[in-house]
Amino acid sequence: MFVKRRADAPPGYFAVEAAGLRWLASVPGGVAVVQPLQVADDRLVMPRLPEVPPTAAAAEELGRRLAVTHAAGAPGFGSGPDGWTGDGYVGPLPLPLRTGPVWGPWYAEHRLLPYLRRAHDAGALDADQSATVSRLLDRLVADAGLSDPGEGPSRLHGDLWNGNVLWTAHGVVLVDPAAHGGHRETDLAMLALFGLPHLRRVLDAYTEAAPLTPGWQDRVPLHQLHPLLVHAALFGGGYGAQAAAAAARWA
């Protein structure tokens, strides 16, 4: 077994993760996720998954299955897993699970603004960098062409970086979600942020199964802005500058 522990875990810290795993796993033919064996206030127990080297075939299967999971949808942008009330977490930080009818304004208010404030207060962004991100927030609210993807909310893993993708003998299995309803391009952009083996195969298989809206490649930095701000708030360093650079392409 694999046990995640946190003695000072806030209320619901592991319960919302388990709810997200079950929500993702409930999609027939969708992406494989680890299943919780035991959930407590201070720990989450899961099966240990031996890893193997990544393969192109497993990457293609991941792309096809992720498209199925996304297509299962969610009640709204920002909605949490079935049966869950209250907010969630992304890493150690709170993650608002509050819904909005249009992606852009919701993304600005609940995925960018809280972490922009945290990153600025931590000194990870200076005044000019924060102003650049703020201009993008204004555009997401005002520009319907940017803010409305023209499709409903997808069922997202929500923290889909390379470290949460496990390559096993039975294919890819995902762990540690921050599951919610959102824009499907966000999961794909997160896969690209820190690098993923055979990423091109994943994306090709995904887009063959579920074609993306034209221009999606140009929007990758827009969708990477949320995790960049989260990392800036947590770790500082160059993440604030990266976030400002990503925002500047759309501000």
C-alpha atoms as a PDB file:
ATOM      1  CA  MET A   1       0.000   0.000   0.000  1.00  0.00           C
ATOM      2  CA  PHE A   2       0.922   3.656  -0.364  1.00  0.00           C
ATOM      3  CA  VAL A   3      -0.072   6.000   2.469  1.00  0.00           C
ATOM      4  CA  LYS A   4      -0.270   9.781   2.164  1.00  0.00           C
ATOM      5  CA  ARG A   5      -0.143  11.386   5.598  1.00  0.00           C
ATOM      6  CA  ARG A   6      -0.532  14.899   6.899  1.00  0.00           C
ATOM      7  CA  ALA A   7      -0.976  15.317  10.639  1.00  0.00           C
ATOM      8  CA  ASP A   8      -2.166  18.912  10.276  1.00  0.00           C
ATOM      9  CA  ALA A   9      -4.477  18.278   7.329  1.00  0.00           C
ATOM     10  CA  PRO A  10      -7.360  20.766   7.220  1.00  0.00           C
ATOM     11  CA  PRO A  11     -10.911  19.384   7.251  1.00  0.00           C
ATOM     12  CA  GLY A  12     -11.737  17.468   4.101  1.00  0.00           C
ATOM     13  CA  TYR A  13      -8.183  17.526   2.738  1.00  0.00           C
ATOM     14  CA  PHE A  14      -8.057  13.809   1.937  1.00  0.00           C
ATOM     15  CA  ALA A  15     -11.810  13.313   1.598  1.00  0.00           C
ATOM     16  CA  VAL A  16     -12.100  15.662  -1.376  1.00  0.00           C
ATOM     17  CA  GLU A  17      -9.160  13.947  -3.082  1.00  0.00           C
ATOM     18  CA  ALA A  18     -10.856  10.574  -2.625  1.00  0.00           C
ATOM     19  CA  ALA A  19     -14.127  11.997  -3.935  1.00  0.00           C
ATOM     20  CA  GLY A  20     -12.293  13.282  -6.985  1.00  0.00           C
ATOM     21  CA  LEU A  21     -10.711   9.894  -7.640  1.00  0.00           C
ATOM     22  CA  ARG A  22     -14.099   8.193  -7.478  1.00  0.00           C
ATOM     23  CA  TRP A  23     -15.667  10.834  -9.733  1.00  0.00           C
ATOM     24  CA  LEU A  24     -13.003  10.370 -12.371  1.00  0.00           C
ATOM     25  CA  ALA A  25     -13.136   6.576 -12.093  1.00  0.00           C
ATOM     26  CA  SER A  26     -16.905   6.527 -12.633  1.00  0.00           C
ATOM     27  CA  VAL A  27     -16.534   7.246 -16.368  1.00  0.00           C
ATOM     28  CA  PRO A  28     -16.729   4.022 -18.443  1.00  0.00           C
ATOM     29  CA  GLY A  29     -13.727   3.851 -20.756  1.00  0.00           C
ATOM     30  CA  GLY A  30     -12.177   6.916 -19.169  1.00  0.00           C
ATOM     31  CA  VAL A  31      -8.690   7.450 -17.855  1.00  0.00           C
ATOM     32  CA  ALA A  32      -7.531   5.045 -15.142  1.00  0.00           C
ATOM     33  CA  VAL A  33      -7.047   6.518 -11.671  1.00  0.00           C
ATOM     34  CA  VAL A  34      -5.806   5.011  -8.448  1.00  0.00           C
ATOM     35  CA  GLN A  35      -8.612   4.027  -6.094  1.00  0.00           C
ATOM     36  CA  PRO A  36      -8.631   4.897  -2.390  1.00  0.00           C
ATOM     37  CA  LEU A  37      -8.620   1.979   0.039  1.00  0.00           C
ATOM     38  CA  GLN A  38      -9.025   4.018   3.208  1.00  0.00           C
ATOM     39  CA  VAL A  39      -9.741   7.686   3.882  1.00  0.00           C
ATOM     40  CA  ALA A  40      -9.177   9.379   7.238  1.00  0.00           C
ATOM     41  CA  ASP A  41      -8.711  12.921   8.455  1.00  0.00           C
ATOM     42  CA  ASP A  42      -4.926  12.570   8.454  1.00  0.00           C
ATOM     43  CA  ARG A  43      -4.241  10.046   5.688  1.00  0.00           C
ATOM     44  CA  LEU A  44      -5.273   8.483   2.405  1.00  0.00           C
ATOM     45  CA  VAL A  45      -4.376   4.834   1.740  1.00  0.00           C
ATOM     46  CA  MET A  46      -4.056   3.585  -1.847  1.00  0.00           C
ATOM     47  CA  PRO A  47      -2.574   0.560  -3.604  1.00  0.00           C
ATOM     48  CA  ARG A  48       1.094   0.895  -4.468  1.00  0.00           C
ATOM     49  CA  LEU A  49       1.574   0.954  -8.239  1.00  0.00           C
ATOM     50  CA  PRO A  50       4.929  -0.329  -9.554  1.00  0.00           C
ATOM     51  CA  GLU A  51       6.079   1.854 -12.431  1.00  0.00           C
ATOM     52  CA  VAL A  52       7.580   0.830 -15.766  1.00  0.00           C
ATOM     53  CA  PRO A  53       9.244   2.872 -18.529  1.00  0.00           C
ATOM     54  CA  PRO A  54       6.823   5.037 -20.553  1.00  0.00           C
ATOM     55  CA  THR A  55       5.778   3.740 -23.962  1.00  0.00           C
ATOM     56  CA  ALA A  56       4.227   5.370 -27.006  1.00  0.00           C
ATOM     57  CA  ALA A  57       1.331   2.897 -26.931  1.00  0.00           C
ATOM     58  CA  ALA A  58       0.493   3.762 -23.320  1.00  0.00           C
ATOM     59  CA  ALA A  59       0.695   7.464 -24.185  1.00  0.00           C
ATOM     60  CA  GLU A  60      -1.786   7.058 -27.018  1.00  0.00           C
ATOM     61  CA  GLU A  61      -4.160   5.157 -24.762  1.00  0.00           C
ATOM     62  CA  LEU A  62      -3.879   7.949 -22.197  1.00  0.00           C
ATOM     63  CA  GLY A  63      -4.860  10.511 -24.833  1.00  0.00           C
ATOM     64  CA  ARG A  64      -7.902   8.537 -25.966  1.00  0.00           C
ATOM     65  CA  ARG A  65      -9.060   7.767 -22.433  1.00  0.00           C
ATOM     66  CA  LEU A  66      -8.556  11.331 -21.232  1.00  0.00           C
ATOM     67  CA  ALA A  67     -10.825  12.514 -24.043  1.00  0.00           C
ATOM     68  CA  VAL A  68     -13.542  10.153 -22.772  1.00  0.00           C
ATOM     69  CA  THR A  69     -13.177  11.430 -19.203  1.00  0.00           C
ATOM     70  CA  HIS A  70     -13.373  15.043 -20.306  1.00  0.00           C
ATOM     71  CA  ALA A  71     -16.466  14.310 -22.398  1.00  0.00           C
ATOM     72  CA  ALA A  72     -18.286  12.998 -19.305  1.00  0.00           C
ATOM     73  CA  GLY A  73     -18.656  16.641 -18.337  1.00  0.00           C
ATOM     74  CA  ALA A  74     -19.521  18.396 -15.106  1.00  0.00           C
ATOM     75  CA  PRO A  75     -22.511  20.410 -13.846  1.00  0.00           C
ATOM     76  CA  GLY A  76     -20.651  23.711 -14.228  1.00  0.00           C
ATOM     77  CA  PHE A  77     -17.299  25.422 -14.429  1.00  0.00           C
ATOM     78  CA  GLY A  78     -15.832  25.003 -10.964  1.00  0.00           C
ATOM     79  CA  SER A  79     -18.184  22.275  -9.759  1.00  0.00           C
ATOM     80  CA  GLY A  80     -16.614  19.682  -7.502  1.00  0.00           C
ATOM     81  CA  PRO A  81     -16.888  15.888  -7.538  1.00  0.00           C
ATOM     82  CA  ASP A  82     -20.290  14.281  -7.151  1.00  0.00           C
ATOM     83  CA  GLY A  83     -21.461  14.340  -3.565  1.00  0.00           C
ATOM     84  CA  TRP A  84     -18.849  16.859  -2.429  1.00  0.00           C
ATOM     85  CA  THR A  85     -19.789  20.204  -0.904  1.00  0.00           C
ATOM     86  CA  GLY A  86     -17.311  22.908  -0.056  1.00  0.00           C
ATOM     87  CA  ASP A  87     -13.950  23.792  -1.544  1.00  0.00           C
ATOM     88  CA  GLY A  88     -11.003  21.575  -2.432  1.00  0.00           C
ATOM     89  CA  TYR A  89      -7.229  21.845  -2.544  1.00  0.00           C
ATOM     90  CA  VAL A  90      -4.493  22.160  -5.132  1.00  0.00           C
ATOM     91  CA  GLY A  91      -1.399  20.896  -3.380  1.00  0.00           C
ATOM     92  CA  PRO A  92      -1.519  22.507   0.074  1.00  0.00           C
ATOM     93  CA  LEU A  93      -3.511  25.556  -1.060  1.00  0.00           C
ATOM     94  CA  PRO A  94      -7.301  25.954  -0.989  1.00  0.00           C
ATOM     95  CA  LEU A  95      -9.027  25.537  -4.350  1.00  0.00           C
ATOM     96  CA  PRO A  96     -12.400  27.286  -4.759  1.00  0.00           C
ATOM     97  CA  LEU A  97     -15.087  24.905  -5.992  1.00  0.00           C
ATOM     98  CA  ARG A  98     -17.622  27.579  -6.872  1.00  0.00           C
ATOM     99  CA  THR A  99     -19.427  27.534 -10.158  1.00  0.00           C
ATOM    100  CA  GLY A 100     -19.843  30.020 -12.964  1.00  0.00           C
ATOM    101  CA  PRO A 101     -21.787  29.838 -16.251  1.00  0.00           C
ATOM    102  CA  VAL A 102     -19.023  31.229 -18.488  1.00  0.00           C
ATOM    103  CA  TRP A 103     -15.460  29.943 -18.418  1.00  0.00           C
ATOM    104  CA  GLY A 104     -13.481  33.193 -18.727  1.00  0.00           C
ATOM    105  CA  PRO A 105     -14.957  35.186 -15.821  1.00  0.00           C
ATOM    106  CA  TRP A 106     -14.983  32.049 -13.664  1.00  0.00           C
ATOM    107  CA  TYR A 107     -11.334  31.300 -14.510  1.00  0.00           C
ATOM    108  CA  ALA A 108     -10.347  34.875 -13.716  1.00  0.00           C
ATOM    109  CA  GLU A 109     -12.163  34.988 -10.374  1.00  0.00           C
ATOM    110  CA  HIS A 110     -11.569  31.498  -9.011  1.00  0.00           C
ATOM    111  CA  ARG A 111      -8.389  30.195 -10.664  1.00  0.00           C
ATOM    112  CA  LEU A 112      -6.241  33.281 -11.224  1.00  0.00           C
ATOM    113  CA  LEU A 113      -7.128  36.070  -8.808  1.00  0.00           C
ATOM    114  CA  PRO A 114      -6.718  34.147  -5.505  1.00  0.00           C
ATOM    115  CA  TYR A 115      -3.253  32.904  -6.479  1.00  0.00           C
ATOM    116  CA  LEU A 116      -2.196  36.217  -8.006  1.00  0.00           C
ATOM    117  CA  ARG A 117      -2.854  37.793  -4.607  1.00  0.00           C
ATOM    118  CA  ARG A 118      -0.949  35.066  -2.783  1.00  0.00           C
ATOM    119  CA  ALA A 119       2.002  35.262  -5.168  1.00  0.00           C
ATOM    120  CA  HIS A 120       2.138  39.051  -4.994  1.00  0.00           C
ATOM    121  CA  ASP A 121       1.944  39.018  -1.185  1.00  0.00           C
ATOM    122  CA  ALA A 122       4.765  36.441  -1.127  1.00  0.00           C
ATOM    123  CA  GLY A 123       6.938  38.733  -3.235  1.00  0.00           C
ATOM    124  CA  ALA A 124       6.982  36.389  -6.234  1.00  0.00           C
ATOM    125  CA  LEU A 125       5.547  39.074  -8.561  1.00  0.00           C
ATOM    126  CA  ASP A 126       6.415  42.744  -8.536  1.00  0.00           C
ATOM    127  CA  ALA A 127       3.891  45.528  -9.160  1.00  0.00           C
ATOM    128  CA  ASP A 128       4.382  45.571 -12.933  1.00  0.00           C
ATOM    129  CA  GLN A 129       4.080  41.791 -13.228  1.00  0.00           C
ATOM    130  CA  SER A 130       0.947  41.780 -11.092  1.00  0.00           C
ATOM    131  CA  ALA A 131      -0.529  44.538 -13.262  1.00  0.00           C
ATOM    132  CA  THR A 132       0.106  42.450 -16.375  1.00  0.00           C
ATOM    133  CA  VAL A 133      -1.797  39.506 -14.925  1.00  0.00           C
ATOM    134  CA  SER A 134      -4.572  41.835 -13.738  1.00  0.00           C
ATOM    135  CA  ARG A 135      -5.048  43.143 -17.279  1.00  0.00           C
ATOM    136  CA  LEU A 136      -5.581  39.595 -18.466  1.00  0.00           C
ATOM    137  CA  LEU A 137      -8.187  39.068 -15.748  1.00  0.00           C
ATOM    138  CA  ASP A 138     -10.050  42.122 -17.047  1.00  0.00           C
ATOM    139  CA  ARG A 139      -9.898  40.798 -20.596  1.00  0.00           C
ATOM    140  CA  LEU A 140     -11.225  37.393 -19.546  1.00  0.00           C
ATOM    141  CA  VAL A 141     -14.278  39.149 -18.136  1.00  0.00           C
ATOM    142  CA  ALA A 142     -14.827  41.549 -21.042  1.00  0.00           C
ATOM    143  CA  ASP A 143     -13.754  39.663 -24.193  1.00  0.00           C
ATOM    144  CA  ALA A 144     -16.356  37.061 -25.137  1.00  0.00           C
ATOM    145  CA  GLY A 145     -14.116  35.707 -27.887  1.00  0.00           C
ATOM    146  CA  LEU A 146     -11.509  34.727 -25.316  1.00  0.00           C
ATOM    147  CA  SER A 147     -13.710  33.905 -22.349  1.00  0.00           C
ATOM    148  CA  ASP A 148     -16.262  31.561 -23.929  1.00  0.00           C
ATOM    149  CA  PRO A 149     -14.777  28.298 -25.278  1.00  0.00           C
ATOM    150  CA  GLY A 150     -18.032  27.443 -27.039  1.00  0.00           C
ATOM    151  CA  GLU A 151     -18.354  24.135 -25.213  1.00  0.00           C
ATOM    152  CA  GLY A 152     -19.579  23.022 -21.825  1.00  0.00           C
ATOM    153  CA  PRO A 153     -17.458  22.192 -18.782  1.00  0.00           C
ATOM    154  CA  SER A 154     -15.329  19.071 -18.937  1.00  0.00           C
ATOM    155  CA  ARG A 155     -14.522  16.639 -16.148  1.00  0.00           C
ATOM    156  CA  LEU A 156     -10.930  17.562 -15.265  1.00  0.00           C
ATOM    157  CA  HIS A 157      -8.205  15.883 -13.253  1.00  0.00           C
ATOM    158  CA  GLY A 158      -7.207  19.427 -12.357  1.00  0.00           C
ATOM    159  CA  ASP A 159      -3.549  18.901 -11.388  1.00  0.00           C
ATOM    160  CA  LEU A 160      -2.332  16.905 -14.355  1.00  0.00           C
ATOM    161  CA  TRP A 161       1.413  17.418 -14.265  1.00  0.00           C
ATOM    162  CA  ASN A 162       3.991  14.765 -15.062  1.00  0.00           C
ATOM    163  CA  GLY A 163       4.406  13.712 -11.418  1.00  0.00           C
ATOM    164  CA  ASN A 164       0.759  12.678 -11.210  1.00  0.00           C
ATOM    165  CA  VAL A 165       1.001  10.410 -14.273  1.00  0.00           C
ATOM    166  CA  LEU A 166       2.153   6.906 -13.340  1.00  0.00           C
ATOM    167  CA  TRP A 167       3.268   4.529 -16.092  1.00  0.00           C
ATOM    168  CA  THR A 168       2.416   0.985 -15.044  1.00  0.00           C
ATOM    169  CA  ALA A 169       2.439  -2.426 -16.695  1.00  0.00           C
ATOM    170  CA  HIS A 170      -1.315  -2.040 -17.234  1.00  0.00           C
ATOM    171  CA  GLY A 171      -1.137   1.436 -18.729  1.00  0.00           C
ATOM    172  CA  VAL A 172      -1.156   4.958 -17.328  1.00  0.00           C
ATOM    173  CA  VAL A 173      -2.808   5.546 -13.953  1.00  0.00           C
ATOM    174  CA  LEU A 174      -3.407   9.054 -12.609  1.00  0.00           C
ATOM    175  CA  VAL A 175      -3.042  10.112  -8.971  1.00  0.00           C
ATOM    176  CA  ASP A 176      -3.489  13.230  -6.795  1.00  0.00           C
ATOM    177  CA  PRO A 177      -6.320  15.045  -8.582  1.00  0.00           C
ATOM    178  CA  ALA A 178      -7.834  18.427  -7.855  1.00  0.00           C
ATOM    179  CA  ALA A 179     -10.908  17.285  -9.779  1.00  0.00           C
ATOM    180  CA  HIS A 180     -13.502  19.819 -10.925  1.00  0.00           C
ATOM    181  CA  GLY A 181     -15.434  21.030 -13.945  1.00  0.00           C
ATOM    182  CA  GLY A 182     -13.378  23.207 -16.265  1.00  0.00           C
ATOM    183  CA  HIS A 183     -11.987  23.797 -19.740  1.00  0.00           C
ATOM    184  CA  ARG A 184     -10.503  20.606 -21.182  1.00  0.00           C
ATOM    185  CA  GLU A 185      -7.533  22.505 -22.609  1.00  0.00           C
ATOM    186  CA  THR A 186      -6.409  23.153 -19.020  1.00  0.00           C
ATOM    187  CA  ASP A 187      -5.539  19.490 -18.378  1.00  0.00           C
ATOM    188  CA  LEU A 188      -3.674  19.283 -21.682  1.00  0.00           C
ATOM    189  CA  ALA A 189      -1.727  22.483 -21.006  1.00  0.00           C
ATOM    190  CA  MET A 190      -0.755  21.179 -17.582  1.00  0.00           C
ATOM    191  CA  LEU A 191       0.672  18.019 -19.155  1.00  0.00           C
ATOM    192  CA  ALA A 192       2.952  20.229 -21.259  1.00  0.00           C
ATOM    193  CA  LEU A 193       4.049  22.574 -18.467  1.00  0.00           C
ATOM    194  CA  PHE A 194       6.662  20.361 -16.805  1.00  0.00           C
ATOM    195  CA  GLY A 195       7.160  17.888 -19.617  1.00  0.00           C
ATOM    196  CA  LEU A 196       5.624  14.456 -20.175  1.00  0.00           C
ATOM    197  CA  PRO A 197       7.194  11.508 -21.997  1.00  0.00           C
ATOM    198  CA  HIS A 198       5.583  10.956 -25.398  1.00  0.00           C
ATOM    199  CA  LEU A 199       3.470  14.110 -25.000  1.00  0.00           C
ATOM    200  CA  ARG A 200       3.069  14.448 -28.772  1.00  0.00           C
ATOM    201  CA  ARG A 201       1.550  10.951 -28.913  1.00  0.00           C
ATOM    202  CA  VAL A 202      -0.857  11.833 -26.086  1.00  0.00           C
ATOM    203  CA  LEU A 203      -2.020  15.008 -27.820  1.00  0.00           C
ATOM    204  CA  ASP A 204      -2.337  13.409 -31.251  1.00  0.00           C
ATOM    205  CA  ALA A 205      -4.446  10.551 -29.881  1.00  0.00           C
ATOM    206  CA  TYR A 206      -6.578  13.002 -27.882  1.00  0.00           C
ATOM    207  CA  THR A 207      -7.265  15.325 -30.799  1.00  0.00           C
ATOM    208  CA  GLU A 208      -8.065  12.379 -33.073  1.00  0.00           C
ATOM    209  CA  ALA A 209     -10.661  11.207 -30.561  1.00  0.00           C
ATOM    210  CA  ALA A 210     -11.974  14.661 -29.653  1.00  0.00           C
ATOM    211  CA  PRO A 211     -10.828  17.503 -31.946  1.00  0.00           C
ATOM    212  CA  LEU A 212      -9.993  20.752 -30.172  1.00  0.00           C
ATOM    213  CA  THR A 213     -11.116  24.242 -31.143  1.00  0.00           C
ATOM    214  CA  PRO A 214      -8.703  25.845 -33.641  1.00  0.00           C
ATOM    215  CA  GLY A 215      -6.015  27.930 -31.982  1.00  0.00           C
ATOM    216  CA  TRP A 216      -5.738  25.697 -28.941  1.00  0.00           C
ATOM    217  CA  GLN A 217      -1.941  25.587 -29.230  1.00  0.00           C
ATOM    218  CA  ASP A 218      -1.826  29.383 -28.870  1.00  0.00           C
ATOM    219  CA  ARG A 219      -3.963  29.193 -25.730  1.00  0.00           C
ATOM    220  CA  VAL A 220      -1.608  26.828 -23.886  1.00  0.00           C
ATOM    221  CA  PRO A 221       0.093  29.667 -21.898  1.00  0.00           C
ATOM    222  CA  LEU A 222      -3.333  30.986 -20.887  1.00  0.00           C
ATOM    223  CA  HIS A 223      -4.228  27.647 -19.328  1.00  0.00           C
ATOM    224  CA  GLN A 224      -0.792  27.266 -17.749  1.00  0.00           C
ATOM    225  CA  LEU A 225      -1.185  30.544 -15.884  1.00  0.00           C
ATOM    226  CA  HIS A 226      -3.112  28.995 -13.003  1.00  0.00           C
ATOM    227  CA  PRO A 227      -0.474  26.375 -12.080  1.00  0.00           C
ATOM    228  CA  LEU A 228       2.277  28.955 -12.611  1.00  0.00           C
ATOM    229  CA  LEU A 229       0.623  31.297 -10.119  1.00  0.00           C
ATOM    230  CA  VAL A 230       0.133  28.420  -7.672  1.00  0.00           C
ATOM    231  CA  HIS A 231       3.830  27.592  -7.938  1.00  0.00           C
ATOM    232  CA  ALA A 232       4.769  31.255  -7.595  1.00  0.00           C
ATOM    233  CA  ALA A 233       2.728  31.486  -4.402  1.00  0.00           C
ATOM    234  CA  LEU A 234       4.324  28.329  -2.995  1.00  0.00           C
ATOM    235  CA  PHE A 235       7.902  28.477  -4.248  1.00  0.00           C
ATOM    236  CA  GLY A 236       8.609  31.946  -5.618  1.00  0.00           C
ATOM    237  CA  GLY A 237      11.737  31.803  -7.719  1.00  0.00           C
ATOM    238  CA  GLY A 238      11.162  32.303 -11.420  1.00  0.00           C
ATOM    239  CA  TYR A 239       7.544  31.168 -11.419  1.00  0.00           C
ATOM    240  CA  GLY A 240       6.257  34.710 -10.971  1.00  0.00           C
ATOM    241  CA  ALA A 241       8.159  35.892 -14.017  1.00  0.00           C
ATOM    242  CA  GLN A 242       6.906  32.901 -16.004  1.00  0.00           C
ATOM    243  CA  ALA A 243       3.337  33.702 -14.980  1.00  0.00           C
ATOM    244  CA  ALA A 244       3.684  37.327 -16.035  1.00  0.00           C
ATOM    245  CA  ALA A 245       5.187  36.295 -19.373  1.00  0.00           C
ATOM    246  CA  ALA A 246       2.309  33.878 -19.998  1.00  0.00           C
ATOM    247  CA  ALA A 247      -0.235  36.580 -19.145  1.00  0.00           C
ATOM    248  CA  ALA A 248       1.483  39.162 -21.349  1.00  0.00           C
ATOM    249  CA  ARG A 249       0.659  37.084 -24.439  1.00  0.00           C
ATOM    250  CA  TRP A 250      -3.043  37.690 -23.815  1.00  0.00           C
ATOM    251  CA  ALA A 251      -3.249  40.847 -21.667  1.00  0.00           C
END
